[in-house]
Amino acid sequence: MEVPRKESNIFAMEKSNILSFRRYRRLHIHRMDALVELNNIDKETVVQDLTKILNYETPKEKRTSGKAFTTWVYREKRGESITISLNHKTNTYTVRITTHKLQRLKDFLDYAYIVLRVNKVRTLMIETYIRYLERYEFKIAKSIEALDVELGKGIKQHLIPNRGKHDYYLSRAKIEYQGTTVVLKTYRHATYRQHKHTHPEYHPKLEQLTILKEIPPTINIEDTIRHYATLLHTIAWTINPRIILGEYENKTETIEVHTINKQIQRYIRGIVKRIKAEVILEQQYPDKRIAIAKLLVEKKMRPSEIAKLLGYSKMHVHRIIQELIEQGVIKRVKRGTYEFNKNAKLEKPRIVESRQMTLDQAIQYIKEKKANIVNDKGTLTIEYEDDLAVRRVIISNISIEEEWIAEHVIGRTKIYRIRFTEILEQLFMNRHI
């Protein structure tokens, strides 16, 4: 007699609320903040206008005063507020909206542009996220680590032991992406351990905060969200976790993204495949070729087994093995048996990639990496060597001509009337090359 299969407790949640990401393909829009700065305003008029335009229901006012600032907050409910702040030193005002509703953000930007006559939004912050089944947490956390290594400046992690494993209560990285600052994190609700596995808030969220500066209020906000949310979409598309739609998710606004960032996808696939090898080898290997060599020599695995384990084609694994043989890292003893040549050194691969940065970010990047300028006429291209590879980076949104530099970010172009040679002189003044 066939015994019925017992399903995991997680499926006690409605199955319609647990989908693979590639079937769902939506990102949830969470908190959005927009801030504009003005020399002078009629505060009462602005408050009346905005509460009417944004359809606020009986907002509560709270005023705080100090030596530096006086601030008025008009809160409708959690996540919905208007904040006006007066800087006593400069006698300038900032007007800020915090909302979960896309239409409210659009209405605020229209009001700022048409009525307040601002020519730029000082700061625009947008959060998008997905909630996913916890079994994918390790892969997603490691993907964030990989992106931090490639694009970031440090990662913050808080792990909590839980029944023989670790939960990523928080894994947070700040990176530079498409010329702006993005914060990526996977995290758990503060009280997640009080919930059962069948409760959506027991499971983690993958969230992206995009921080935009000095942008025109006339931008197309949906296109802007889609453009930058390609990062989050690429992570989710590559790992394809099971998506959980809890009560909160069914109420939030969503946006669909259709593009994949191939470079980001390569970073993620590389780290996920390396994790599989490291679990077997019980040691970290930054270079996947060494991991393959270890599996081949020490674990006596066949090329077909390595290909299946890591998700590569057999042809790709054979190409790497041949490269290892040609560089003298391993040698074939007999058919199917290899050994290491301890004195051989594996040459670093050459990787070409494309990125977008502001000019300031590019200058800082060149300094940090001690990069060489490969092309200073046309599209800016640099080259540097790290522990893993020799990297040629095409900074695709910066163009260099004889007398000026053009920076293309968020649908606008900034022209700097300065010769690039002048920047190079300052950049390398204190460096011996």
Protein backbone atom coordinates (compact mmCIF):
# COMPACT_ATOMS: atom_id res chain seq x y z
CA MET A 1 0.00 0.00 0.00
CA GLU A 2 1.39 3.42 -0.95
CA VAL A 3 1.90 5.77 1.99
CA PRO A 4 0.71 9.33 1.30
CA ARG A 5 3.53 11.86 1.16
CA LYS A 6 3.53 14.24 4.11
CA GLU A 7 3.92 17.82 2.99
CA SER A 8 6.07 20.34 4.80
CA ASN A 9 4.31 22.55 7.33
CA ILE A 10 5.06 25.59 5.19
CA PHE A 11 2.45 24.40 2.71
CA ALA A 12 -0.19 24.83 5.37
CA MET A 13 -0.23 28.35 4.01
CA GLU A 14 -2.39 28.64 0.94
CA LYS A 15 -0.46 27.24 -2.02
CA SER A 16 -1.69 30.11 -4.16
CA ASN A 17 0.41 32.37 -1.92
CA ILE A 18 3.66 30.47 -2.56
CA LEU A 19 4.97 30.91 -6.09
CA SER A 20 8.32 30.63 -7.84
CA PHE A 21 9.69 34.07 -8.62
CA ARG A 22 9.75 33.48 -12.36
CA ARG A 23 6.04 32.78 -12.29
CA TYR A 24 5.31 35.81 -10.14
CA ARG A 25 7.84 38.30 -11.59
CA ARG A 26 6.73 41.27 -9.49
CA LEU A 27 8.53 43.42 -6.97
CA HIS A 28 6.64 44.99 -4.09
CA ILE A 29 6.97 48.75 -3.70
CA HIS A 30 7.49 49.62 -0.06
CA ARG A 31 8.41 52.97 1.45
CA MET A 32 9.20 55.94 -0.80
CA ASP A 33 10.65 59.27 0.33
CA ALA A 34 11.09 62.49 -1.66
CA LEU A 35 12.69 65.65 -0.29
CA VAL A 36 12.92 69.12 -1.85
CA GLU A 37 14.65 72.23 -0.53
CA LEU A 38 13.33 75.80 -0.84
CA ASN A 39 14.44 79.27 0.21
CA ASN A 40 11.03 80.36 1.43
CA ILE A 41 7.48 79.00 1.64
CA ASP A 42 4.13 79.75 3.19
CA LYS A 43 4.09 76.70 5.45
CA GLU A 44 0.37 76.73 6.20
CA THR A 45 -0.52 76.97 2.51
CA VAL A 46 1.83 74.13 1.60
CA VAL A 47 0.37 71.91 4.33
CA GLN A 48 -3.20 72.67 3.23
CA ASP A 49 -2.34 72.05 -0.42
CA LEU A 50 -0.55 68.76 0.20
CA THR A 51 -3.09 67.29 2.62
CA LYS A 52 -5.77 68.04 0.03
CA ILE A 53 -3.81 66.87 -3.04
CA LEU A 54 -2.63 63.70 -1.31
CA ASN A 55 -6.09 62.97 0.14
CA TYR A 56 -4.93 62.81 3.74
CA GLU A 57 -7.53 61.77 6.29
CA THR A 58 -7.33 63.76 9.57
CA PRO A 59 -3.52 63.99 9.83
CA LYS A 60 -2.01 64.45 13.29
CA GLU A 61 0.44 67.34 13.72
CA LYS A 62 3.58 67.13 15.82
CA ARG A 63 6.01 70.03 16.22
CA THR A 64 9.54 69.89 17.62
CA SER A 65 11.84 72.90 18.10
CA GLY A 66 15.55 73.17 18.71
CA LYS A 67 18.42 75.57 18.18
CA ALA A 68 19.13 74.30 14.68
CA PHE A 69 15.71 73.24 13.35
CA THR A 70 11.98 73.54 13.84
CA THR A 71 10.13 70.56 12.37
CA TRP A 72 6.44 69.94 11.73
CA VAL A 73 5.28 66.38 11.02
CA TYR A 74 1.78 65.69 9.67
CA ARG A 75 1.17 61.97 10.01
CA GLU A 76 -1.86 60.26 8.52
CA LYS A 77 -0.87 56.73 9.56
CA ARG A 78 2.25 54.58 9.68
CA GLY A 79 4.34 55.16 6.58
CA GLU A 80 2.27 58.14 5.41
CA SER A 81 3.51 61.58 6.47
CA ILE A 82 4.47 65.09 5.37
CA THR A 83 7.46 66.69 7.10
CA ILE A 84 8.41 70.36 6.88
CA SER A 85 11.65 71.51 8.48
CA LEU A 86 13.06 75.03 8.92
CA ASN A 87 16.82 75.43 9.19
CA HIS A 88 17.35 78.42 11.47
CA LYS A 89 20.94 79.01 10.34
CA THR A 90 20.26 79.17 6.59
CA ASN A 91 16.58 80.13 6.89
CA THR A 92 15.69 77.48 4.30
CA TYR A 93 12.91 74.89 4.30
CA THR A 94 12.83 71.25 3.35
CA VAL A 95 9.56 69.57 2.44
CA ARG A 96 9.46 65.78 2.57
CA ILE A 97 6.86 63.13 1.84
CA THR A 98 6.97 59.54 3.09
CA THR A 99 4.52 57.18 1.44
CA HIS A 100 3.76 53.63 0.30
CA LYS A 101 1.54 54.88 -2.51
CA LEU A 102 2.99 55.53 -5.94
CA GLN A 103 0.28 58.01 -6.94
CA ARG A 104 0.97 60.13 -3.86
CA LEU A 105 4.64 60.30 -4.80
CA LYS A 106 3.72 61.38 -8.34
CA ASP A 107 1.32 64.04 -7.03
CA PHE A 108 3.98 65.39 -4.67
CA LEU A 109 6.57 65.62 -7.46
CA ASP A 110 4.05 67.43 -9.70
CA TYR A 111 3.26 69.87 -6.88
CA ALA A 112 6.96 70.49 -6.22
CA TYR A 113 7.62 71.15 -9.91
CA ILE A 114 4.54 73.20 -10.82
CA VAL A 115 3.61 75.05 -7.59
CA LEU A 116 6.81 75.17 -5.56
CA ARG A 117 8.82 75.62 -8.78
CA VAL A 118 11.78 73.51 -7.72
CA ASN A 119 14.18 72.45 -10.45
CA LYS A 120 15.48 69.36 -8.66
CA VAL A 121 14.56 66.84 -6.00
CA ARG A 122 17.37 66.80 -3.47
CA THR A 123 16.81 63.17 -2.41
CA LEU A 124 14.54 60.40 -3.66
CA MET A 125 14.58 57.04 -1.85
CA ILE A 126 12.69 54.00 -3.07
CA GLU A 127 12.39 50.59 -1.41
CA THR A 128 11.37 47.48 -3.34
CA TYR A 129 11.30 43.95 -1.94
CA ILE A 130 10.16 40.35 -2.13
CA ARG A 131 9.37 37.94 0.74
CA TYR A 132 10.76 34.46 0.10
CA LEU A 133 10.85 30.97 1.58
CA GLU A 134 13.66 30.64 4.14
CA ARG A 135 15.32 27.67 2.44
CA TYR A 136 16.76 30.14 -0.13
CA GLU A 137 18.18 32.46 2.53
CA PHE A 138 21.75 31.10 2.38
CA LYS A 139 22.04 31.53 -1.39
CA ILE A 140 20.59 35.04 -1.29
CA ALA A 141 22.84 36.10 1.60
CA LYS A 142 25.89 34.76 -0.23
CA SER A 143 24.82 36.57 -3.40
CA ILE A 144 24.71 39.84 -1.45
CA GLU A 145 28.20 39.05 -0.15
CA ALA A 146 29.41 38.45 -3.71
CA LEU A 147 27.96 41.77 -4.92
CA ASP A 148 29.58 43.54 -1.98
CA VAL A 149 32.97 42.09 -2.99
CA GLU A 150 32.51 43.30 -6.57
CA LEU A 151 30.66 46.59 -6.09
CA GLY A 152 30.54 47.47 -2.39
CA LYS A 153 32.63 48.76 0.48
CA GLY A 154 31.66 46.49 3.35
CA ILE A 155 28.90 44.29 4.63
CA LYS A 156 27.08 44.12 7.96
CA GLN A 157 25.76 40.77 9.15
CA HIS A 158 23.88 39.52 12.20
CA LEU A 159 23.40 35.76 12.34
CA ILE A 160 21.20 33.95 14.86
CA PRO A 161 21.68 30.21 15.66
CA ASN A 162 18.49 28.26 15.04
CA ARG A 163 18.18 24.46 15.27
CA GLY A 164 21.62 23.56 13.96
CA LYS A 165 21.87 26.35 11.37
CA HIS A 166 22.16 30.13 11.22
CA ASP A 167 19.37 32.52 10.31
CA TYR A 168 20.45 35.73 8.60
CA TYR A 169 18.63 38.14 10.88
CA LEU A 170 20.38 40.82 8.81
CA SER A 171 22.85 40.79 5.92
CA ARG A 172 23.25 44.31 4.55
CA ALA A 173 25.59 45.71 1.88
CA LYS A 174 25.91 49.21 0.45
CA ILE A 175 27.01 49.18 -3.18
CA GLU A 176 27.41 51.51 -6.14
CA TYR A 177 25.05 50.55 -8.94
CA GLN A 178 24.26 52.41 -12.16
CA GLY A 179 25.80 55.63 -10.84
CA THR A 180 23.92 55.74 -7.54
CA THR A 181 23.98 54.25 -4.04
CA VAL A 182 21.94 51.11 -3.40
CA VAL A 183 21.52 49.23 -0.13
CA LEU A 184 20.79 45.51 -0.49
CA LYS A 185 19.70 43.43 2.46
CA THR A 186 18.06 40.18 3.44
CA TYR A 187 16.53 40.32 6.88
CA ARG A 188 13.94 38.86 9.25
CA HIS A 189 11.12 40.55 11.15
CA ALA A 190 12.15 41.59 14.68
CA THR A 191 9.77 39.04 16.20
CA TYR A 192 10.08 36.33 13.54
CA ARG A 193 10.92 33.61 16.08
CA GLN A 194 7.58 34.15 17.75
CA HIS A 195 5.84 33.03 14.55
CA LYS A 196 5.37 29.50 13.23
CA HIS A 197 6.94 28.40 9.94
CA THR A 198 3.48 28.68 8.41
CA HIS A 199 3.30 32.42 9.12
CA PRO A 200 4.59 34.69 6.30
CA GLU A 201 6.49 36.97 8.70
CA TYR A 202 8.62 34.06 9.90
CA HIS A 203 10.28 34.13 6.47
CA PRO A 204 12.90 36.63 5.27
CA LYS A 205 12.64 39.58 2.89
CA LEU A 206 15.09 40.61 0.19
CA GLU A 207 15.00 44.39 -0.08
CA GLN A 208 16.64 47.07 -2.20
CA LEU A 209 16.84 50.72 -1.14
CA THR A 210 17.79 53.02 -4.02
CA ILE A 211 19.04 56.49 -3.04
CA LEU A 212 18.91 59.08 -5.82
CA LYS A 213 20.32 62.59 -5.50
CA GLU A 214 19.73 65.85 -7.37
CA ILE A 215 17.19 64.59 -9.90
CA PRO A 216 14.63 66.51 -11.96
CA PRO A 217 11.06 66.29 -10.59
CA THR A 218 9.83 65.60 -14.13
CA ILE A 219 11.30 62.09 -14.24
CA ASN A 220 9.07 59.16 -15.12
CA ILE A 221 8.90 57.54 -11.71
CA GLU A 222 7.85 54.03 -12.91
CA ASP A 223 10.68 53.92 -15.45
CA THR A 224 13.14 55.09 -12.78
CA ILE A 225 12.02 52.37 -10.35
CA ARG A 226 12.25 49.71 -13.07
CA HIS A 227 15.70 50.91 -14.16
CA TYR A 228 17.27 50.53 -10.72
CA ALA A 229 15.13 47.60 -9.53
CA THR A 230 16.77 45.56 -12.30
CA LEU A 231 19.35 44.73 -9.61
CA LEU A 232 16.81 43.14 -7.25
CA HIS A 233 15.02 41.51 -10.17
CA THR A 234 18.29 39.97 -11.41
CA ILE A 235 19.05 38.44 -8.00
CA ALA A 236 15.54 36.99 -7.73
CA TRP A 237 15.49 35.79 -11.35
CA THR A 238 18.88 34.07 -11.02
CA ILE A 239 18.17 32.28 -7.72
CA ASN A 240 14.43 31.84 -8.43
CA PRO A 241 13.26 31.53 -4.80
CA ARG A 242 9.74 30.60 -3.79
CA ILE A 243 7.84 33.84 -3.20
CA ILE A 244 5.48 34.22 -0.24
CA LEU A 245 2.45 36.47 -0.54
CA GLY A 246 1.25 37.22 2.95
CA GLU A 247 -1.57 39.53 3.95
CA TYR A 248 0.67 42.59 3.74
CA GLU A 249 2.07 41.65 0.31
CA ASN A 250 -1.44 41.30 -1.08
CA LYS A 251 -2.09 44.94 -0.20
CA THR A 252 1.12 46.56 -1.45
CA GLU A 253 1.64 48.05 -4.89
CA THR A 254 3.88 46.13 -7.24
CA ILE A 255 5.95 46.78 -10.33
CA GLU A 256 7.09 44.34 -13.01
CA VAL A 257 10.66 44.43 -14.29
CA HIS A 258 11.53 42.62 -17.51
CA THR A 259 15.29 43.11 -17.90
CA ILE A 260 18.27 41.23 -16.47
CA ASN A 261 21.70 42.69 -15.72
CA LYS A 262 24.00 40.05 -17.22
CA GLN A 263 27.06 41.17 -15.28
CA ILE A 264 25.21 40.95 -11.95
CA GLN A 265 23.88 37.54 -12.99
CA ARG A 266 27.43 36.30 -13.63
CA TYR A 267 28.56 37.45 -10.18
CA ILE A 268 25.66 35.61 -8.53
CA ARG A 269 25.97 32.40 -10.54
CA GLY A 270 29.69 32.32 -9.81
CA ILE A 271 29.23 32.55 -6.04
CA VAL A 272 26.33 30.05 -5.94
CA LYS A 273 28.36 27.47 -7.87
CA ARG A 274 31.40 28.09 -5.72
CA ILE A 275 29.31 27.54 -2.56
CA LYS A 276 28.41 24.04 -3.77
CA ALA A 277 32.07 23.14 -4.22
CA GLU A 278 33.10 24.70 -0.89
CA VAL A 279 30.48 22.67 1.01
CA ILE A 280 32.12 19.46 -0.29
CA LEU A 281 35.72 20.69 0.09
CA GLU A 282 35.09 22.42 3.44
CA GLN A 283 37.30 25.31 2.39
CA GLN A 284 36.85 28.61 0.51
CA TYR A 285 38.30 29.08 -2.97
CA PRO A 286 37.96 32.54 -4.54
CA ASP A 287 38.94 31.10 -7.95
CA LYS A 288 36.41 28.56 -9.25
CA ARG A 289 39.18 26.89 -11.33
CA ILE A 290 41.04 25.87 -8.17
CA ALA A 291 37.79 24.51 -6.71
CA ILE A 292 37.33 22.40 -9.86
CA ALA A 293 40.94 21.21 -9.64
CA LYS A 294 40.43 20.19 -5.98
CA LEU A 295 37.26 18.26 -6.82
CA LEU A 296 39.09 16.55 -9.68
CA VAL A 297 42.29 15.68 -7.77
CA GLU A 298 41.31 15.29 -4.12
CA LYS A 299 37.72 14.09 -4.40
CA LYS A 300 38.40 11.97 -7.51
CA MET A 301 35.26 13.31 -9.16
CA ARG A 302 34.75 12.80 -12.88
CA PRO A 303 34.33 15.92 -15.11
CA SER A 304 30.71 14.93 -15.75
CA GLU A 305 30.05 14.78 -11.97
CA ILE A 306 31.65 18.21 -11.45
CA ALA A 307 29.57 19.64 -14.27
CA LYS A 308 26.37 18.28 -12.74
CA LEU A 309 27.29 19.50 -9.24
CA LEU A 310 28.18 23.06 -10.27
CA GLY A 311 25.62 23.48 -13.03
CA TYR A 312 28.18 23.88 -15.83
CA SER A 313 28.17 22.12 -19.18
CA LYS A 314 30.57 19.20 -19.57
CA MET A 315 32.34 21.13 -22.34
CA HIS A 316 32.96 24.09 -20.01
CA VAL A 317 34.45 21.87 -17.28
CA HIS A 318 36.69 20.13 -19.85
CA ARG A 319 37.88 23.55 -21.07
CA ILE A 320 38.84 24.55 -17.51
CA ILE A 321 40.63 21.22 -16.96
CA GLN A 322 42.57 21.71 -20.20
CA GLU A 323 43.51 25.24 -19.10
CA LEU A 324 44.74 23.89 -15.75
CA ILE A 325 46.85 21.28 -17.57
CA GLU A 326 48.30 23.82 -20.03
CA GLN A 327 49.31 26.14 -17.18
CA GLY A 328 50.89 23.23 -15.32
CA VAL A 329 48.61 23.43 -12.28
CA ILE A 330 47.56 19.80 -12.64
CA LYS A 331 48.83 16.94 -14.76
CA ARG A 332 47.18 13.79 -16.00
CA VAL A 333 48.69 10.68 -14.37
CA LYS A 334 46.49 8.23 -16.25
CA ARG A 335 43.02 8.22 -17.70
CA GLY A 336 40.67 9.79 -15.16
CA THR A 337 43.44 10.43 -12.59
CA TYR A 338 45.17 13.78 -11.99
CA GLU A 339 47.61 15.27 -9.51
CA PHE A 340 48.77 18.77 -8.55
CA ASN A 341 52.02 20.42 -9.61
CA LYS A 342 52.76 22.31 -6.39
CA ASN A 343 55.22 24.72 -8.02
CA ALA A 344 52.87 25.92 -10.76
CA LYS A 345 51.04 29.23 -10.52
CA LEU A 346 47.66 29.73 -12.15
CA GLU A 347 47.47 32.83 -14.30
CA LYS A 348 44.63 35.18 -13.46
CA PRO A 349 41.76 35.32 -15.95
CA ARG A 350 41.08 38.56 -17.84
CA ILE A 351 37.55 39.87 -17.32
CA VAL A 352 35.87 42.68 -19.24
CA GLU A 353 32.84 44.29 -17.61
CA SER A 354 30.68 47.38 -18.01
CA ARG A 355 29.54 49.67 -15.18
CA GLN A 356 27.92 53.03 -14.66
CA MET A 357 29.18 55.59 -12.15
CA THR A 358 29.13 59.30 -11.52
CA LEU A 359 32.38 61.10 -12.29
CA ASP A 360 33.15 61.44 -8.57
CA GLN A 361 32.55 57.73 -8.06
CA ALA A 362 34.77 56.86 -11.03
CA ILE A 363 37.63 59.01 -9.69
CA GLN A 364 37.31 57.41 -6.25
CA TYR A 365 37.15 53.95 -7.84
CA ILE A 366 40.34 54.59 -9.83
CA LYS A 367 42.08 55.74 -6.64
CA GLU A 368 40.98 52.75 -4.58
CA LYS A 369 41.83 50.16 -7.22
CA LYS A 370 45.03 51.93 -8.33
CA ALA A 371 43.74 51.42 -11.83
CA ASN A 372 45.40 52.34 -15.10
CA ILE A 373 43.53 54.45 -17.64
CA VAL A 374 43.21 52.37 -20.80
CA ASN A 375 41.13 54.84 -22.81
CA ASP A 376 40.81 58.56 -22.06
CA LYS A 377 39.23 59.53 -25.39
CA GLY A 378 35.62 58.49 -25.88
CA THR A 379 34.18 56.04 -23.34
CA LEU A 380 36.27 55.95 -20.15
CA THR A 381 37.94 52.55 -19.69
CA ILE A 382 40.23 51.48 -16.87
CA GLU A 383 42.15 48.33 -15.94
CA TYR A 384 43.38 46.91 -12.63
CA GLU A 385 44.34 43.61 -11.03
CA ASP A 386 42.82 42.11 -7.87
CA ASP A 387 43.12 38.75 -6.09
CA LEU A 388 40.87 37.02 -8.60
CA ALA A 389 41.45 38.52 -12.04
CA VAL A 390 42.80 41.24 -14.29
CA ARG A 391 39.76 43.41 -14.84
CA ARG A 392 39.04 45.87 -17.63
CA VAL A 393 36.09 48.08 -16.65
CA ILE A 394 34.22 50.10 -19.29
CA ILE A 395 32.49 53.01 -17.52
CA SER A 396 29.80 53.22 -20.15
CA ASN A 397 28.08 56.43 -19.05
CA ILE A 398 31.16 58.68 -18.99
CA SER A 399 32.47 60.17 -22.24
CA ILE A 400 35.74 62.09 -22.52
CA GLU A 401 36.63 64.66 -25.14
CA GLU A 402 39.52 67.11 -25.46
CA GLU A 403 38.02 69.96 -23.43
CA TRP A 404 35.15 68.38 -21.51
CA ILE A 405 33.74 65.30 -19.78
CA ALA A 406 30.10 64.12 -20.10
CA GLU A 407 28.34 62.12 -17.40
CA HIS A 408 25.02 60.44 -18.28
CA VAL A 409 22.92 59.48 -15.21
CA ILE A 410 19.15 59.11 -14.66
CA GLY A 411 18.20 60.37 -18.11
CA ARG A 412 20.22 63.58 -17.85
CA THR A 413 23.69 64.66 -18.95
CA LYS A 414 26.18 66.72 -16.94
CA ILE A 415 28.98 68.45 -18.80
CA TYR A 416 32.21 69.21 -16.91
CA ARG A 417 34.36 71.84 -18.64
CA ILE A 418 37.64 70.33 -17.55
CA ARG A 419 40.34 68.36 -19.31
CA PHE A 420 40.65 64.79 -18.15
CA THR A 421 44.43 65.24 -18.06
CA GLU A 422 43.93 67.78 -15.25
CA ILE A 423 42.03 65.19 -13.21
CA LEU A 424 44.75 62.62 -13.87
CA GLU A 425 47.44 65.01 -12.67
CA GLN A 426 45.60 65.48 -9.35
CA LEU A 427 44.78 61.78 -9.13
CA PHE A 428 48.32 60.52 -9.56
CA MET A 429 50.18 63.46 -7.97
CA ASN A 430 51.14 61.48 -4.87
CA ARG A 431 51.39 58.09 -6.48
CA HIS A 432 54.58 56.56 -7.85
CA ILE A 433 53.90 54.92 -11.18
